[in-house]
Every structure is written in C-alpha cells, then in structure tokens.
Amino acid sequence: MVQTPASPETETLLIELPKTIGLYVTQEQFAALAAANRDLRLERTARGELIVNPPTGWETGERNWSISGELYLWWRNSGELGKAFDSSTGFILPNGATRSPDASWVSQERWQAIITEQKGTFANICPDFVVELRSSSDRLGSLQAKMREYIDNGALLGWLIDPQQRRVEIYRPGLAVEVLENPAELLGEAVLPGFVLNLRRVWD
C-alpha cells in the first residue's frame, strides 16, 4: 500500500499495489525511506525491489526477543567479541541487497576491516552469523531464498527457525542444508564458540 502526499486541494489517498507490481528504489532512496519510516521493517532486494515487512505479532516478537537475548548473553560472557545485532539492523550485502536478519553477529576482525564510510546507517557487510525466525505470515520459500542469499554473500552459519513445524534448517557455505526436527538446542559451532540456544524458549 502506498500513501500519496496530500496538498491543500487534495485528500490523502491509499493505493493498493497488486503483487505483480514491484516498487524499485536506489540505495539512496531506500536509506531515505527507512529514515522516514522508522516503525517499518524495510528491506531491498539485490535488484532494488522494496520489501515492506509488517510488524510482528506478539508470539513472534517474544520468540525473537528470546533469541536476541541469548545471543547478547553469549556476547557479553565471551568477552564482547565482535558485534551482535537485533532485528532492527539492516546490512548492505555484497550483492547490493539490504537485509535485516532477526538476529546476527559480525566477527571483530571483519568489522574492523570495514572503513568508516562503509559503516553508515547500514553497514556494508554480510554478518558471519544470521537467524531468521518464521512467523505465521512468512512464506517458507522466501525465507529459504534469503538464507541462501546470506550464505552466498559471506555468512558462515545461518539458522532458519520454524516454530510452527518445530523445525530448524542450518545453512553453511559449501554444504547441503541440514534439517533438524524438533531439536532441543542449537550450537554456535566454530563460528560462535560456546553459544547454545535452548529452543524451549522458542517452541513454548
């Protein structure tokens, strides 16, 4: 839905966009839109198509809070290595897309390698670790494509968590996707040593 600007002679109108019509914006236009619409989660594909993600429901919000909280605790207890981020953070990937994982982490080495000009509103980097949490309105295929995009652009470990099916897909570079049915926990492996996500807080 697009809201057209009102003038003294006109009233504000709402335009419904068919799904077959996409809105395409440049990176500069996207940054301006994001700044003017801070209550929305906006993303941009590598082709420049604008994606507007609606606010999450309370269940998804609570689950995502638990995941981000556990990542934060690991970060604090491990000596605050690298940078950890929540779902409101956008990253410009090497392919030009701007994506906002539900939780993410960037190693200290890679973060320090970014020059100051690349640490603007959206850092020019793909996180080492990403999490996407499926909500009831999310299409699984779209999330799976996003996970592959993260891996193709430099992520070392990705978790696609599906609470409805109690299923987790684990993405790693050069390997087939590993599917876990109703796992009790997830391990950060060599990417996040010592990180353990207890999924009881996500499933319940």
N, C-alpha and C. Protein backbone atom coordinates (compact mmCIF):
# COMPACT_ATOMS: atom_id res chain seq x y z
N MET A 1 0.84 -1.18 0.00
CA MET A 1 0.00 0.00 0.00
C MET A 1 0.88 1.24 0.00
N VAL A 2 0.54 2.19 -0.83
CA VAL A 2 1.30 3.42 -0.95
C VAL A 2 0.40 4.59 -0.58
N GLN A 3 0.88 5.45 0.28
CA GLN A 3 0.11 6.64 0.65
C GLN A 3 0.63 7.82 -0.14
N THR A 4 -0.28 8.46 -0.87
CA THR A 4 0.13 9.60 -1.68
C THR A 4 0.09 10.86 -0.84
N PRO A 5 1.01 11.81 -1.09
CA PRO A 5 1.04 13.04 -0.29
C PRO A 5 -0.19 13.89 -0.52
N ALA A 6 -0.62 14.58 0.54
CA ALA A 6 -1.79 15.45 0.43
C ALA A 6 -1.37 16.89 0.19
N SER A 7 -2.16 17.60 -0.58
CA SER A 7 -1.94 19.03 -0.79
C SER A 7 -3.20 19.74 -0.30
N PRO A 8 -3.19 21.07 -0.21
CA PRO A 8 -4.38 21.78 0.25
C PRO A 8 -5.62 21.48 -0.57
N GLU A 9 -5.44 21.08 -1.83
CA GLU A 9 -6.59 20.84 -2.70
C GLU A 9 -6.99 19.37 -2.76
N THR A 10 -6.19 18.49 -2.15
CA THR A 10 -6.49 17.07 -2.26
C THR A 10 -6.53 16.42 -0.89
N GLU A 11 -7.10 15.25 -0.84
CA GLU A 11 -7.10 14.46 0.39
C GLU A 11 -6.10 13.31 0.23
N THR A 12 -5.66 12.75 1.34
CA THR A 12 -4.72 11.64 1.29
C THR A 12 -5.44 10.39 0.79
N LEU A 13 -4.83 9.72 -0.17
CA LEU A 13 -5.40 8.52 -0.75
C LEU A 13 -4.47 7.34 -0.51
N LEU A 14 -5.03 6.17 -0.39
CA LEU A 14 -4.26 4.94 -0.23
C LEU A 14 -4.39 4.12 -1.50
N ILE A 15 -3.27 3.70 -2.05
CA ILE A 15 -3.27 2.91 -3.29
C ILE A 15 -2.84 1.49 -2.96
N GLU A 16 -3.66 0.52 -3.34
CA GLU A 16 -3.30 -0.88 -3.17
C GLU A 16 -2.48 -1.32 -4.38
N LEU A 17 -1.29 -1.87 -4.14
CA LEU A 17 -0.45 -2.34 -5.23
C LEU A 17 -0.64 -3.84 -5.44
N PRO A 18 -1.00 -4.27 -6.64
CA PRO A 18 -1.06 -5.71 -6.90
C PRO A 18 0.31 -6.35 -6.69
N LYS A 19 0.32 -7.61 -6.33
CA LYS A 19 1.59 -8.29 -6.06
C LYS A 19 2.47 -8.39 -7.30
N THR A 20 1.85 -8.24 -8.48
CA THR A 20 2.62 -8.32 -9.72
C THR A 20 3.40 -7.04 -10.00
N ILE A 21 3.11 -5.98 -9.23
CA ILE A 21 3.79 -4.71 -9.43
C ILE A 21 4.77 -4.49 -8.28
N GLY A 22 6.03 -4.28 -8.61
CA GLY A 22 7.03 -4.03 -7.59
C GLY A 22 7.47 -2.57 -7.58
N LEU A 23 7.90 -2.13 -6.43
CA LEU A 23 8.47 -0.80 -6.30
C LEU A 23 9.98 -0.93 -6.24
N TYR A 24 10.67 -0.22 -7.11
CA TYR A 24 12.12 -0.31 -7.18
C TYR A 24 12.73 1.02 -6.74
N VAL A 25 13.73 0.92 -5.85
CA VAL A 25 14.37 2.12 -5.32
C VAL A 25 15.88 1.95 -5.36
N THR A 26 16.57 3.07 -5.44
CA THR A 26 18.03 3.04 -5.36
C THR A 26 18.44 2.89 -3.89
N GLN A 27 19.72 2.65 -3.65
CA GLN A 27 20.20 2.53 -2.28
C GLN A 27 19.98 3.84 -1.52
N GLU A 28 20.19 4.97 -2.18
CA GLU A 28 19.99 6.28 -1.55
C GLU A 28 18.52 6.51 -1.24
N GLN A 29 17.63 6.14 -2.15
CA GLN A 29 16.20 6.28 -1.90
C GLN A 29 15.76 5.36 -0.76
N PHE A 30 16.33 4.17 -0.72
CA PHE A 30 15.99 3.24 0.35
C PHE A 30 16.37 3.81 1.71
N ALA A 31 17.57 4.39 1.81
CA ALA A 31 18.02 4.97 3.08
C ALA A 31 17.09 6.10 3.51
N ALA A 32 16.63 6.90 2.55
CA ALA A 32 15.71 8.00 2.88
C ALA A 32 14.36 7.46 3.34
N LEU A 33 13.86 6.41 2.68
CA LEU A 33 12.60 5.80 3.08
C LEU A 33 12.69 5.19 4.48
N ALA A 34 13.80 4.52 4.75
CA ALA A 34 13.99 3.90 6.06
C ALA A 34 14.04 4.95 7.16
N ALA A 35 14.70 6.07 6.88
CA ALA A 35 14.81 7.14 7.88
C ALA A 35 13.45 7.78 8.15
N ALA A 36 12.59 7.85 7.12
CA ALA A 36 11.29 8.48 7.27
C ALA A 36 10.22 7.53 7.80
N ASN A 37 10.53 6.23 7.83
CA ASN A 37 9.55 5.23 8.26
C ASN A 37 10.20 4.27 9.25
N ARG A 38 10.61 4.80 10.39
CA ARG A 38 11.37 4.01 11.35
C ARG A 38 10.54 2.92 12.02
N ASP A 39 9.21 3.02 11.94
CA ASP A 39 8.36 1.99 12.54
C ASP A 39 8.18 0.78 11.64
N LEU A 40 8.67 0.86 10.40
CA LEU A 40 8.53 -0.25 9.46
C LEU A 40 9.86 -0.97 9.30
N ARG A 41 9.78 -2.27 9.05
CA ARG A 41 10.98 -3.03 8.71
C ARG A 41 11.05 -3.12 7.20
N LEU A 42 11.94 -2.37 6.62
CA LEU A 42 12.09 -2.33 5.17
C LEU A 42 13.32 -3.11 4.75
N GLU A 43 13.21 -3.79 3.61
CA GLU A 43 14.35 -4.47 3.01
C GLU A 43 14.36 -4.14 1.53
N ARG A 44 15.51 -4.39 0.91
CA ARG A 44 15.67 -4.11 -0.52
C ARG A 44 16.39 -5.29 -1.15
N THR A 45 15.85 -5.80 -2.24
CA THR A 45 16.48 -6.93 -2.90
C THR A 45 17.68 -6.47 -3.70
N ALA A 46 18.47 -7.42 -4.19
CA ALA A 46 19.64 -7.07 -5.00
C ALA A 46 19.24 -6.36 -6.28
N ARG A 47 18.01 -6.57 -6.74
CA ARG A 47 17.53 -5.90 -7.96
C ARG A 47 16.95 -4.52 -7.66
N GLY A 48 16.85 -4.17 -6.37
CA GLY A 48 16.34 -2.87 -5.99
C GLY A 48 14.88 -2.85 -5.60
N GLU A 49 14.22 -4.01 -5.54
CA GLU A 49 12.80 -4.03 -5.19
C GLU A 49 12.62 -3.79 -3.69
N LEU A 50 11.68 -2.92 -3.36
CA LEU A 50 11.40 -2.57 -1.97
C LEU A 50 10.50 -3.63 -1.35
N ILE A 51 10.86 -4.08 -0.16
CA ILE A 51 10.07 -5.04 0.60
C ILE A 51 9.65 -4.38 1.91
N VAL A 52 8.35 -4.35 2.16
CA VAL A 52 7.82 -3.78 3.40
C VAL A 52 7.33 -4.92 4.27
N ASN A 53 7.97 -5.12 5.41
CA ASN A 53 7.58 -6.18 6.33
C ASN A 53 6.70 -5.61 7.43
N PRO A 54 5.50 -6.16 7.62
CA PRO A 54 4.60 -5.63 8.65
C PRO A 54 5.15 -5.93 10.05
N PRO A 55 4.65 -5.22 11.07
CA PRO A 55 5.06 -5.52 12.44
C PRO A 55 4.73 -6.98 12.79
N THR A 56 5.54 -7.57 13.64
CA THR A 56 5.30 -8.96 14.02
C THR A 56 4.22 -9.03 15.08
N GLY A 57 3.60 -10.21 15.18
CA GLY A 57 2.65 -10.46 16.26
C GLY A 57 3.39 -10.69 17.57
N TRP A 58 2.64 -10.76 18.65
CA TRP A 58 3.29 -10.85 19.96
C TRP A 58 4.08 -12.15 20.12
N GLU A 59 3.59 -13.27 19.54
CA GLU A 59 4.31 -14.54 19.69
C GLU A 59 5.68 -14.47 19.02
N THR A 60 5.69 -13.98 17.79
CA THR A 60 6.97 -13.86 17.08
C THR A 60 7.89 -12.87 17.78
N GLY A 61 7.32 -11.76 18.25
CA GLY A 61 8.13 -10.78 18.97
C GLY A 61 8.76 -11.36 20.22
N GLU A 62 8.00 -12.15 20.96
CA GLU A 62 8.52 -12.76 22.18
C GLU A 62 9.61 -13.78 21.87
N ARG A 63 9.39 -14.57 20.84
CA ARG A 63 10.39 -15.57 20.45
C ARG A 63 11.68 -14.89 19.98
N ASN A 64 11.52 -13.83 19.19
CA ASN A 64 12.71 -13.15 18.69
C ASN A 64 13.47 -12.47 19.83
N TRP A 65 12.75 -11.96 20.80
CA TRP A 65 13.38 -11.36 21.97
C TRP A 65 14.24 -12.39 22.70
N SER A 66 13.72 -13.62 22.82
CA SER A 66 14.46 -14.68 23.49
C SER A 66 15.74 -15.02 22.74
N ILE A 67 15.65 -15.11 21.42
CA ILE A 67 16.83 -15.45 20.61
C ILE A 67 17.87 -14.34 20.71
N SER A 68 17.44 -13.09 20.53
CA SER A 68 18.38 -11.97 20.61
C SER A 68 18.98 -11.86 22.01
N GLY A 69 18.16 -12.14 23.03
CA GLY A 69 18.66 -12.07 24.40
C GLY A 69 19.73 -13.10 24.68
N GLU A 70 19.52 -14.32 24.18
CA GLU A 70 20.52 -15.39 24.37
C GLU A 70 21.81 -15.06 23.62
N LEU A 71 21.69 -14.47 22.42
CA LEU A 71 22.88 -14.07 21.67
C LEU A 71 23.63 -12.97 22.42
N TYR A 72 22.89 -12.04 23.00
CA TYR A 72 23.52 -10.96 23.76
C TYR A 72 24.26 -11.51 24.98
N LEU A 73 23.64 -12.44 25.69
CA LEU A 73 24.30 -13.01 26.88
C LEU A 73 25.58 -13.73 26.49
N TRP A 74 25.53 -14.47 25.38
CA TRP A 74 26.75 -15.15 24.91
C TRP A 74 27.82 -14.12 24.59
N TRP A 75 27.43 -13.04 23.89
CA TRP A 75 28.38 -11.99 23.51
C TRP A 75 29.01 -11.36 24.74
N ARG A 76 28.21 -11.05 25.76
CA ARG A 76 28.74 -10.45 26.98
C ARG A 76 29.69 -11.41 27.69
N ASN A 77 29.27 -12.66 27.83
CA ASN A 77 30.05 -13.63 28.60
C ASN A 77 31.30 -14.11 27.87
N SER A 78 31.34 -13.91 26.55
CA SER A 78 32.50 -14.36 25.78
C SER A 78 33.54 -13.25 25.60
N GLY A 79 33.34 -12.14 26.30
CA GLY A 79 34.30 -11.04 26.21
C GLY A 79 33.94 -9.97 25.22
N GLU A 80 32.67 -9.94 24.79
CA GLU A 80 32.17 -8.92 23.86
C GLU A 80 32.97 -8.90 22.56
N LEU A 81 33.19 -10.09 22.03
CA LEU A 81 33.90 -10.21 20.76
C LEU A 81 32.97 -9.87 19.61
N GLY A 82 33.45 -9.10 18.68
CA GLY A 82 32.65 -8.77 17.51
C GLY A 82 31.49 -7.86 17.86
N LYS A 83 30.46 -7.89 16.99
CA LYS A 83 29.28 -7.05 17.17
C LYS A 83 28.03 -7.91 17.01
N ALA A 84 27.11 -7.80 17.97
CA ALA A 84 25.84 -8.53 17.91
C ALA A 84 24.71 -7.54 17.63
N PHE A 85 23.71 -7.98 16.86
CA PHE A 85 22.65 -7.08 16.42
C PHE A 85 21.28 -7.73 16.54
N ASP A 86 20.24 -6.88 16.72
CA ASP A 86 18.88 -7.39 16.77
C ASP A 86 18.21 -7.23 15.41
N SER A 87 16.88 -7.45 15.39
CA SER A 87 16.16 -7.50 14.12
C SER A 87 15.96 -6.14 13.46
N SER A 88 16.26 -5.05 14.17
CA SER A 88 16.07 -3.73 13.58
C SER A 88 17.25 -3.26 12.75
N THR A 89 18.30 -4.09 12.65
CA THR A 89 19.53 -3.69 11.98
C THR A 89 19.55 -4.15 10.52
N GLY A 90 19.85 -3.22 9.63
CA GLY A 90 19.97 -3.56 8.22
C GLY A 90 21.42 -3.61 7.78
N PHE A 91 21.72 -4.49 6.84
CA PHE A 91 23.07 -4.63 6.29
C PHE A 91 22.98 -4.58 4.76
N ILE A 92 23.92 -3.88 4.14
CA ILE A 92 24.02 -3.89 2.68
C ILE A 92 24.95 -5.04 2.31
N LEU A 93 24.41 -6.05 1.68
CA LEU A 93 25.18 -7.23 1.31
C LEU A 93 26.04 -6.93 0.07
N PRO A 94 27.06 -7.74 -0.19
CA PRO A 94 27.90 -7.53 -1.37
C PRO A 94 27.11 -7.50 -2.68
N ASN A 95 25.97 -8.19 -2.75
CA ASN A 95 25.19 -8.20 -3.99
C ASN A 95 24.30 -6.97 -4.14
N GLY A 96 24.34 -6.05 -3.14
CA GLY A 96 23.56 -4.83 -3.22
C GLY A 96 22.25 -4.85 -2.47
N ALA A 97 21.81 -6.02 -2.01
CA ALA A 97 20.57 -6.11 -1.25
C ALA A 97 20.78 -5.53 0.15
N THR A 98 19.71 -4.99 0.73
CA THR A 98 19.73 -4.54 2.12
C THR A 98 18.81 -5.46 2.90
N ARG A 99 19.38 -6.20 3.83
CA ARG A 99 18.64 -7.22 4.56
C ARG A 99 18.73 -7.00 6.07
N SER A 100 17.68 -7.45 6.78
CA SER A 100 17.63 -7.31 8.23
C SER A 100 17.34 -8.67 8.86
N PRO A 101 18.38 -9.42 9.23
CA PRO A 101 18.14 -10.70 9.91
C PRO A 101 17.46 -10.46 11.26
N ASP A 102 16.81 -11.49 11.78
CA ASP A 102 16.16 -11.36 13.08
C ASP A 102 17.18 -11.28 14.21
N ALA A 103 18.33 -11.84 14.02
CA ALA A 103 19.47 -11.71 14.94
C ALA A 103 20.72 -11.98 14.13
N SER A 104 21.83 -11.34 14.50
CA SER A 104 23.05 -11.53 13.72
C SER A 104 24.27 -11.15 14.53
N TRP A 105 25.42 -11.56 14.01
CA TRP A 105 26.70 -11.28 14.67
C TRP A 105 27.78 -11.17 13.60
N VAL A 106 28.70 -10.20 13.81
CA VAL A 106 29.84 -9.99 12.91
C VAL A 106 31.11 -10.12 13.74
N SER A 107 32.09 -10.86 13.23
CA SER A 107 33.35 -11.04 13.95
C SER A 107 34.09 -9.72 14.07
N GLN A 108 34.92 -9.62 15.10
CA GLN A 108 35.69 -8.40 15.34
C GLN A 108 36.64 -8.10 14.16
N GLU A 109 37.26 -9.14 13.65
CA GLU A 109 38.21 -8.97 12.54
C GLU A 109 37.53 -8.38 11.32
N ARG A 110 36.37 -8.92 10.96
CA ARG A 110 35.68 -8.42 9.77
C ARG A 110 35.09 -7.03 10.00
N TRP A 111 34.61 -6.77 11.21
CA TRP A 111 34.05 -5.45 11.50
C TRP A 111 35.11 -4.37 11.42
N GLN A 112 36.27 -4.65 11.98
CA GLN A 112 37.34 -3.67 11.97
C GLN A 112 37.90 -3.44 10.57
N ALA A 113 37.69 -4.40 9.68
CA ALA A 113 38.19 -4.27 8.30
C ALA A 113 37.33 -3.33 7.47
N ILE A 114 36.14 -2.99 7.97
CA ILE A 114 35.27 -2.08 7.22
C ILE A 114 35.74 -0.65 7.45
N ILE A 115 35.88 0.11 6.39
CA ILE A 115 36.29 1.51 6.55
C ILE A 115 35.11 2.33 7.07
N THR A 116 35.41 3.48 7.62
CA THR A 116 34.38 4.31 8.26
C THR A 116 33.23 4.63 7.31
N GLU A 117 33.54 4.90 6.06
CA GLU A 117 32.50 5.24 5.08
C GLU A 117 31.53 4.09 4.85
N GLN A 118 31.93 2.86 5.16
CA GLN A 118 31.06 1.70 4.97
C GLN A 118 30.25 1.37 6.22
N LYS A 119 30.40 2.18 7.26
CA LYS A 119 29.64 1.97 8.50
C LYS A 119 28.61 3.08 8.67
N GLY A 120 27.92 3.38 7.60
CA GLY A 120 26.88 4.39 7.68
C GLY A 120 25.64 3.84 8.36
N THR A 121 24.48 4.31 7.93
CA THR A 121 23.23 3.82 8.51
C THR A 121 23.15 2.30 8.41
N PHE A 122 23.50 1.77 7.24
CA PHE A 122 23.52 0.32 7.02
C PHE A 122 24.96 -0.08 6.69
N ALA A 123 25.55 -0.92 7.52
CA ALA A 123 26.94 -1.33 7.29
C ALA A 123 27.03 -2.18 6.03
N ASN A 124 28.09 -1.95 5.27
CA ASN A 124 28.33 -2.72 4.04
C ASN A 124 29.03 -4.03 4.38
N ILE A 125 28.25 -4.98 4.86
CA ILE A 125 28.82 -6.28 5.25
C ILE A 125 27.71 -7.29 5.41
N CYS A 126 28.02 -8.54 5.15
CA CYS A 126 27.10 -9.63 5.47
C CYS A 126 27.55 -10.24 6.79
N PRO A 127 26.68 -10.36 7.78
CA PRO A 127 27.09 -10.93 9.06
C PRO A 127 27.66 -12.34 8.92
N ASP A 128 28.53 -12.70 9.85
CA ASP A 128 29.06 -14.06 9.88
C ASP A 128 27.97 -15.05 10.27
N PHE A 129 27.07 -14.61 11.15
CA PHE A 129 26.01 -15.48 11.69
C PHE A 129 24.68 -14.76 11.57
N VAL A 130 23.66 -15.47 11.07
CA VAL A 130 22.33 -14.88 10.91
C VAL A 130 21.25 -15.85 11.38
N VAL A 131 20.16 -15.27 11.87
CA VAL A 131 18.99 -16.05 12.27
C VAL A 131 17.77 -15.44 11.61
N GLU A 132 16.94 -16.28 11.03
CA GLU A 132 15.62 -15.86 10.56
C GLU A 132 14.59 -16.70 11.28
N LEU A 133 13.61 -16.04 11.89
CA LEU A 133 12.54 -16.70 12.63
C LEU A 133 11.26 -16.60 11.82
N ARG A 134 10.69 -17.73 11.46
CA ARG A 134 9.49 -17.71 10.63
C ARG A 134 8.26 -17.38 11.46
N SER A 135 7.49 -16.39 10.99
CA SER A 135 6.21 -16.08 11.60
C SER A 135 5.11 -16.77 10.80
N SER A 136 3.88 -16.73 11.31
CA SER A 136 2.79 -17.43 10.65
C SER A 136 2.48 -16.86 9.27
N SER A 137 2.86 -15.61 9.01
CA SER A 137 2.58 -14.99 7.72
C SER A 137 3.72 -15.12 6.72
N ASP A 138 4.85 -15.65 7.15
CA ASP A 138 6.02 -15.75 6.27
C ASP A 138 5.92 -16.95 5.34
N ARG A 139 6.27 -16.74 4.07
CA ARG A 139 6.36 -17.85 3.13
C ARG A 139 7.71 -18.52 3.32
N LEU A 140 7.68 -19.83 3.52
CA LEU A 140 8.91 -20.58 3.79
C LEU A 140 9.90 -20.43 2.64
N GLY A 141 9.41 -20.49 1.41
CA GLY A 141 10.31 -20.39 0.25
C GLY A 141 11.07 -19.07 0.21
N SER A 142 10.41 -17.98 0.59
CA SER A 142 11.07 -16.68 0.60
C SER A 142 12.17 -16.64 1.65
N LEU A 143 11.91 -17.22 2.81
CA LEU A 143 12.93 -17.25 3.86
C LEU A 143 14.10 -18.14 3.47
N GLN A 144 13.82 -19.25 2.83
CA GLN A 144 14.90 -20.14 2.39
C GLN A 144 15.78 -19.45 1.35
N ALA A 145 15.16 -18.69 0.45
CA ALA A 145 15.93 -17.93 -0.55
C ALA A 145 16.79 -16.88 0.13
N LYS A 146 16.26 -16.25 1.18
CA LYS A 146 17.03 -15.24 1.91
C LYS A 146 18.22 -15.89 2.62
N MET A 147 18.01 -17.09 3.19
CA MET A 147 19.12 -17.78 3.86
C MET A 147 20.22 -18.12 2.87
N ARG A 148 19.84 -18.58 1.68
CA ARG A 148 20.86 -18.88 0.66
C ARG A 148 21.59 -17.61 0.24
N GLU A 149 20.87 -16.51 0.20
CA GLU A 149 21.49 -15.23 -0.16
C GLU A 149 22.54 -14.84 0.88
N TYR A 150 22.23 -15.02 2.16
CA TYR A 150 23.21 -14.72 3.21
C TYR A 150 24.48 -15.55 3.01
N ILE A 151 24.31 -16.84 2.80
CA ILE A 151 25.47 -17.73 2.63
C ILE A 151 26.26 -17.35 1.39
N ASP A 152 25.57 -17.06 0.30
CA ASP A 152 26.25 -16.68 -0.94
C ASP A 152 27.02 -15.37 -0.79
N ASN A 153 26.63 -14.55 0.19
CA ASN A 153 27.26 -13.24 0.36
C ASN A 153 28.23 -13.18 1.54
N GLY A 154 28.57 -14.35 2.12
CA GLY A 154 29.62 -14.36 3.12
C GLY A 154 29.28 -14.88 4.49
N ALA A 155 28.02 -15.17 4.78
CA ALA A 155 27.68 -15.72 6.09
C ALA A 155 28.29 -17.11 6.26
N LEU A 156 28.72 -17.42 7.48
CA LEU A 156 29.34 -18.70 7.77
C LEU A 156 28.39 -19.69 8.41
N LEU A 157 27.32 -19.17 9.03
CA LEU A 157 26.35 -20.04 9.71
C LEU A 157 25.02 -19.31 9.74
N GLY A 158 23.96 -20.03 9.37
CA GLY A 158 22.62 -19.44 9.41
C GLY A 158 21.60 -20.42 9.93
N TRP A 159 20.69 -19.92 10.74
CA TRP A 159 19.61 -20.74 11.27
C TRP A 159 18.27 -20.19 10.80
N LEU A 160 17.48 -21.03 10.16
CA LEU A 160 16.10 -20.70 9.83
C LEU A 160 15.22 -21.49 10.79
N ILE A 161 14.59 -20.79 11.72
CA ILE A 161 13.83 -21.42 12.79
C ILE A 161 12.35 -21.30 12.48
N ASP A 162 11.66 -22.44 12.43
CA ASP A 162 10.24 -22.50 12.09
C ASP A 162 9.46 -23.04 13.29
N PRO A 163 8.92 -22.17 14.14
CA PRO A 163 8.21 -22.65 15.34
C PRO A 163 6.95 -23.44 15.03
N GLN A 164 6.27 -23.11 13.90
CA GLN A 164 5.04 -23.84 13.59
C GLN A 164 5.30 -25.33 13.36
N GLN A 165 6.40 -25.64 12.70
CA GLN A 165 6.75 -27.04 12.42
C GLN A 165 7.76 -27.61 13.43
N ARG A 166 8.23 -26.75 14.33
CA ARG A 166 9.30 -27.14 15.26
C ARG A 166 10.49 -27.73 14.49
N ARG A 167 10.88 -26.98 13.47
CA ARG A 167 11.93 -27.44 12.57
C ARG A 167 12.98 -26.32 12.42
N VAL A 168 14.23 -26.72 12.28
CA VAL A 168 15.31 -25.77 12.06
C VAL A 168 16.11 -26.21 10.84
N GLU A 169 16.39 -25.26 9.96
CA GLU A 169 17.28 -25.51 8.83
C GLU A 169 18.59 -24.79 9.10
N ILE A 170 19.70 -25.51 9.00
CA ILE A 170 21.01 -24.94 9.27
C ILE A 170 21.76 -24.78 7.94
N TYR A 171 22.21 -23.57 7.67
CA TYR A 171 22.89 -23.25 6.42
C TYR A 171 24.37 -22.99 6.71
N ARG A 172 25.23 -23.59 5.87
CA ARG A 172 26.67 -23.42 5.97
C ARG A 172 27.24 -23.35 4.54
N PRO A 173 28.33 -22.60 4.33
CA PRO A 173 28.91 -22.50 2.99
C PRO A 173 29.38 -23.85 2.47
N GLY A 174 29.05 -24.15 1.23
CA GLY A 174 29.55 -25.35 0.57
C GLY A 174 28.95 -26.66 1.04
N LEU A 175 27.93 -26.60 1.91
CA LEU A 175 27.32 -27.82 2.44
C LEU A 175 25.82 -27.82 2.18
N ALA A 176 25.26 -29.02 2.13
CA ALA A 176 23.81 -29.14 1.99
C ALA A 176 23.13 -28.62 3.26
N VAL A 177 21.93 -28.13 3.11
CA VAL A 177 21.18 -27.63 4.26
C VAL A 177 20.86 -28.80 5.20
N GLU A 178 21.15 -28.62 6.47
CA GLU A 178 20.85 -29.64 7.47
C GLU A 178 19.50 -29.30 8.11
N VAL A 179 18.58 -30.26 8.14
CA VAL A 179 17.24 -30.05 8.69
C VAL A 179 17.12 -30.83 9.99
N LEU A 180 16.75 -30.14 11.07
CA LEU A 180 16.57 -30.76 12.37
C LEU A 180 15.09 -30.70 12.75
N GLU A 181 14.54 -31.83 13.14
CA GLU A 181 13.14 -31.89 13.55
C GLU A 181 13.06 -31.81 15.08
N ASN A 182 12.38 -30.79 15.57
CA ASN A 182 12.16 -30.59 17.00
C ASN A 182 13.43 -30.70 17.85
N PRO A 183 14.49 -30.00 17.49
CA PRO A 183 15.72 -30.07 18.29
C PRO A 183 15.52 -29.35 19.63
N ALA A 184 16.26 -29.79 20.63
CA ALA A 184 16.19 -29.15 21.95
C ALA A 184 17.08 -27.93 22.05
N GLU A 185 18.16 -27.92 21.26
CA GLU A 185 19.09 -26.80 21.32
C GLU A 185 19.85 -26.70 20.01
N LEU A 186 20.46 -25.53 19.81
CA LEU A 186 21.32 -25.29 18.64
C LEU A 186 22.67 -24.81 19.14
N LEU A 187 23.73 -25.24 18.44
CA LEU A 187 25.09 -24.88 18.84
C LEU A 187 25.69 -23.88 17.85
N GLY A 188 26.45 -22.94 18.38
CA GLY A 188 27.08 -21.94 17.54
C GLY A 188 28.28 -22.44 16.76
N GLU A 189 28.69 -23.67 17.02
CA GLU A 189 29.78 -24.32 16.30
C GLU A 189 31.06 -23.48 16.38
N ALA A 190 31.89 -23.55 15.35
CA ALA A 190 33.16 -22.82 15.38
C ALA A 190 32.96 -21.33 15.15
N VAL A 191 31.80 -20.93 14.62
CA VAL A 191 31.55 -19.52 14.34
C VAL A 191 31.31 -18.75 15.63
N LEU A 192 30.50 -19.33 16.52
CA LEU A 192 30.22 -18.72 17.83
C LEU A 192 30.53 -19.74 18.91
N PRO A 193 31.79 -19.94 19.23
CA PRO A 193 32.17 -20.99 20.19
C PRO A 193 31.49 -20.80 21.55
N GLY A 194 30.86 -21.87 22.00
CA GLY A 194 30.22 -21.84 23.31
C GLY A 194 28.79 -21.34 23.30
N PHE A 195 28.30 -20.85 22.17
CA PHE A 195 26.92 -20.37 22.13
C PHE A 195 25.97 -21.55 21.99
N VAL A 196 25.00 -21.62 22.91
CA VAL A 196 23.97 -22.66 22.88
C VAL A 196 22.62 -21.97 22.99
N LEU A 197 21.75 -22.20 22.04
CA LEU A 197 20.39 -21.65 22.08
C LEU A 197 19.43 -22.75 22.52
N ASN A 198 18.87 -22.58 23.71
CA ASN A 198 17.87 -23.52 24.23
C ASN A 198 16.53 -23.20 23.53
N LEU A 199 16.06 -24.14 22.73
CA LEU A 199 14.87 -23.88 21.92
C LEU A 199 13.57 -24.01 22.70
N ARG A 200 13.64 -24.42 23.96
CA ARG A 200 12.42 -24.48 24.76
C ARG A 200 11.76 -23.10 24.81
N ARG A 201 12.57 -22.04 24.87
CA ARG A 201 12.02 -20.69 24.93
C ARG A 201 11.39 -20.28 23.61
N VAL A 202 11.75 -20.96 22.54
CA VAL A 202 11.20 -20.64 21.22
C VAL A 202 9.96 -21.49 20.93
N TRP A 203 10.02 -22.76 21.26
CA TRP A 203 8.90 -23.66 20.96
C TRP A 203 7.70 -23.38 21.86
N ASP A 204 7.94 -23.08 23.13
CA ASP A 204 6.82 -22.92 24.08
C ASP A 204 6.12 -21.56 23.95
